[in-house]
Amino acid sequence: MKLSARVLPAAALLAVLLMGGATAAQATTQSDQVQNRVNQVLVEFPGGVQTGPGEVTWNGGETILNIVLEGGLSTFAVGNCATGSMCAYTSTGGAGSKISFTSCTAANSVAPLGSSVRSVANARSSGTAFGYNGSSPVLVIPAGSQVNTSANITRVGC
């Protein structure tokens, strides 16, 4: 009886330690995958600067890319953008990796996302934003709204 009273707590502690180790290893692998994607973006799209974990910025903050693994959650991508921005997301509902733009006149390419755009948000107080395929508008996003899409979006503008 005394032996089982000591063995069970020790077995439970061992199980917790083993599970915790797997979780830490998994988090490291995900962090490495995000960093690898950041490194790839910096090589493919010159002029960018890594400004945080999974974040690349161009033009002094006019364009910001937040990288999230598929199925992952981000504190930056909750289905809306910072006031005055237009954002493109890799998942519907404003989820997944996000790229943000504050300039209507810049090229605003979504290529750094590395994946298809599945939703676009327009967090400006007025004016319509557009999702373009090349030079053709294929998506209309009214001010203060977010729209899901299956269209091929190559850039965002207004």
Protein backbone atom coordinates (compact mmCIF):
# COMPACT_ATOMS: atom_id res chain seq x y z
CA MET A 1 0.00 0.00 0.00
CA LYS A 2 2.77 2.44 0.90
CA LEU A 3 4.65 1.59 -2.31
CA SER A 4 1.65 2.41 -4.54
CA ALA A 5 1.10 5.64 -2.62
CA ARG A 6 4.60 6.73 -3.65
CA VAL A 7 4.64 5.27 -7.17
CA LEU A 8 1.43 6.91 -8.40
CA PRO A 9 2.47 10.51 -7.61
CA ALA A 10 5.91 9.84 -9.13
CA ALA A 11 4.31 8.42 -12.28
CA ALA A 12 2.00 11.44 -12.52
CA LEU A 13 4.97 13.81 -12.13
CA LEU A 14 6.89 11.93 -14.81
CA ALA A 15 3.90 12.17 -17.20
CA VAL A 16 3.61 15.92 -16.63
CA LEU A 17 7.33 16.42 -17.22
CA LEU A 18 7.24 14.35 -20.40
CA MET A 19 4.22 16.22 -21.77
CA GLY A 20 5.76 19.57 -20.88
CA GLY A 21 8.94 18.64 -22.71
CA ALA A 22 6.98 17.72 -25.84
CA THR A 23 5.12 21.01 -25.72
CA ALA A 24 8.34 23.01 -25.35
CA ALA A 25 9.95 21.11 -28.24
CA GLN A 26 6.86 21.69 -30.39
CA ALA A 27 6.89 25.43 -29.62
CA THR A 28 10.58 25.63 -30.55
CA THR A 29 9.89 23.88 -33.86
CA GLN A 30 7.02 26.30 -34.64
CA SER A 31 9.20 29.27 -33.69
CA ASP A 32 11.95 27.97 -35.96
CA GLN A 33 9.45 27.54 -38.83
CA VAL A 34 8.23 31.13 -38.42
CA GLN A 35 11.82 32.43 -38.30
CA ASN A 36 12.70 30.41 -41.42
CA ARG A 37 9.77 32.06 -43.22
CA VAL A 38 10.95 35.51 -42.01
CA ASN A 39 14.43 34.77 -43.38
CA GLN A 40 12.95 33.66 -46.72
CA VAL A 41 10.81 36.84 -46.98
CA LEU A 42 13.80 39.07 -46.22
CA VAL A 43 15.76 37.45 -49.07
CA GLU A 44 12.88 37.44 -51.58
CA PHE A 45 11.59 40.95 -50.83
CA PRO A 46 14.53 43.33 -50.29
CA GLY A 47 14.24 46.39 -48.08
CA GLY A 48 12.37 44.64 -45.29
CA VAL A 49 13.50 44.71 -41.67
CA GLN A 50 12.59 42.15 -39.00
CA THR A 51 10.86 44.22 -36.32
CA GLY A 52 9.67 41.43 -34.02
CA PRO A 53 9.12 37.68 -33.80
CA GLY A 54 7.42 36.75 -37.08
CA GLU A 55 7.19 40.41 -38.18
CA VAL A 56 8.79 42.15 -41.18
CA THR A 57 8.34 45.86 -41.93
CA TRP A 58 8.99 47.89 -45.09
CA ASN A 59 9.04 51.65 -45.75
CA GLY A 60 9.19 52.74 -42.13
CA GLY A 61 6.02 50.87 -41.18
CA GLU A 62 3.87 51.57 -44.28
CA THR A 63 3.82 47.80 -44.88
CA ILE A 64 3.93 45.23 -42.06
CA LEU A 65 3.88 41.44 -42.47
CA ASN A 66 2.93 39.23 -39.48
CA ILE A 67 3.71 35.55 -40.07
CA VAL A 68 1.60 32.87 -38.36
CA LEU A 69 1.73 29.14 -39.08
CA GLU A 70 -1.42 27.72 -40.66
CA GLY A 71 -3.92 26.92 -37.95
CA GLY A 72 -2.03 29.13 -35.50
CA LEU A 73 -3.36 32.14 -33.69
CA SER A 74 -1.78 35.55 -33.53
CA THR A 75 -2.38 38.45 -31.22
CA PHE A 76 -1.95 40.65 -34.31
CA ALA A 77 -4.51 38.92 -36.56
CA VAL A 78 -7.95 38.96 -34.92
CA GLY A 79 -10.03 39.82 -37.94
CA ASN A 80 -9.35 43.58 -37.89
CA CYS A 81 -6.57 46.08 -38.58
CA ALA A 82 -5.07 49.08 -36.83
CA THR A 83 -7.02 52.25 -37.51
CA GLY A 84 -6.09 53.74 -40.89
CA SER A 85 -4.75 50.47 -42.33
CA MET A 86 -5.75 47.94 -44.96
CA CYS A 87 -4.86 44.32 -44.14
CA ALA A 88 -4.73 41.10 -46.15
CA TYR A 89 -4.90 37.72 -44.37
CA THR A 90 -4.09 34.13 -45.36
CA SER A 91 -7.26 32.79 -43.72
CA THR A 92 -10.91 33.81 -43.70
CA GLY A 93 -12.28 36.00 -40.94
CA GLY A 94 -9.11 38.06 -40.63
CA ALA A 95 -7.01 35.15 -39.33
CA GLY A 96 -3.65 33.65 -40.24
CA SER A 97 -0.64 35.63 -41.39
CA LYS A 98 -1.35 39.31 -42.03
CA ILE A 99 0.19 42.06 -44.13
CA SER A 100 -0.83 45.66 -43.39
CA PHE A 101 -0.67 48.77 -45.55
CA THR A 102 -1.19 52.44 -44.67
CA SER A 103 -0.44 53.94 -48.10
CA CYS A 104 -2.94 54.06 -50.95
CA THR A 105 -0.29 55.03 -53.49
CA ALA A 106 2.34 52.32 -52.87
CA ALA A 107 2.45 49.03 -54.81
CA ASN A 108 1.10 47.15 -51.74
CA SER A 109 2.00 43.69 -53.03
CA VAL A 110 0.69 40.80 -50.93
CA ALA A 111 3.42 38.46 -52.28
CA PRO A 112 5.37 38.50 -48.97
CA LEU A 113 2.47 36.57 -47.38
CA GLY A 114 3.67 33.53 -49.34
CA SER A 115 0.11 32.24 -49.53
CA SER A 116 -3.23 33.13 -51.08
CA VAL A 117 -5.23 35.99 -49.59
CA ARG A 118 -8.49 34.73 -48.08
CA SER A 119 -9.74 37.92 -46.38
CA VAL A 120 -9.09 41.65 -46.54
CA ALA A 121 -9.93 44.33 -43.96
CA ASN A 122 -10.30 48.08 -44.50
CA ALA A 123 -9.84 49.83 -41.13
CA ARG A 124 -9.91 53.32 -42.60
CA SER A 125 -12.66 55.67 -41.43
CA SER A 126 -13.76 56.46 -45.01
CA GLY A 127 -13.07 55.40 -48.56
CA THR A 128 -13.21 52.07 -50.30
CA ALA A 129 -10.28 49.66 -50.48
CA PHE A 130 -9.82 47.21 -53.33
CA GLY A 131 -8.23 43.83 -53.80
CA TYR A 132 -6.53 43.73 -57.21
CA ASN A 133 -5.44 40.93 -59.50
CA GLY A 134 -2.71 42.80 -61.34
CA SER A 135 -4.31 46.10 -62.33
CA SER A 136 -7.91 44.82 -62.23
CA PRO A 137 -10.03 45.31 -59.09
CA VAL A 138 -11.59 41.97 -58.09
CA LEU A 139 -12.71 42.75 -54.52
CA VAL A 140 -14.37 45.80 -52.94
CA ILE A 141 -13.94 46.43 -49.20
CA PRO A 142 -15.99 49.30 -47.71
CA ALA A 143 -14.45 51.42 -44.93
CA GLY A 144 -14.66 49.77 -41.52
CA SER A 145 -15.27 46.24 -42.82
CA GLN A 146 -13.63 42.89 -43.54
CA VAL A 147 -14.46 40.67 -46.55
CA ASN A 148 -13.64 36.99 -47.16
CA THR A 149 -12.54 36.10 -50.69
CA SER A 150 -11.55 33.26 -53.00
CA ALA A 151 -10.39 35.73 -55.70
CA ASN A 152 -6.74 35.84 -56.73
CA ILE A 153 -5.47 38.99 -54.93
CA THR A 154 -1.99 40.27 -55.86
CA ARG A 155 -2.15 43.68 -54.16
CA VAL A 156 -4.38 45.89 -52.02
CA GLY A 157 -5.07 49.56 -52.64
CA CYS A 158 -7.57 52.39 -52.39
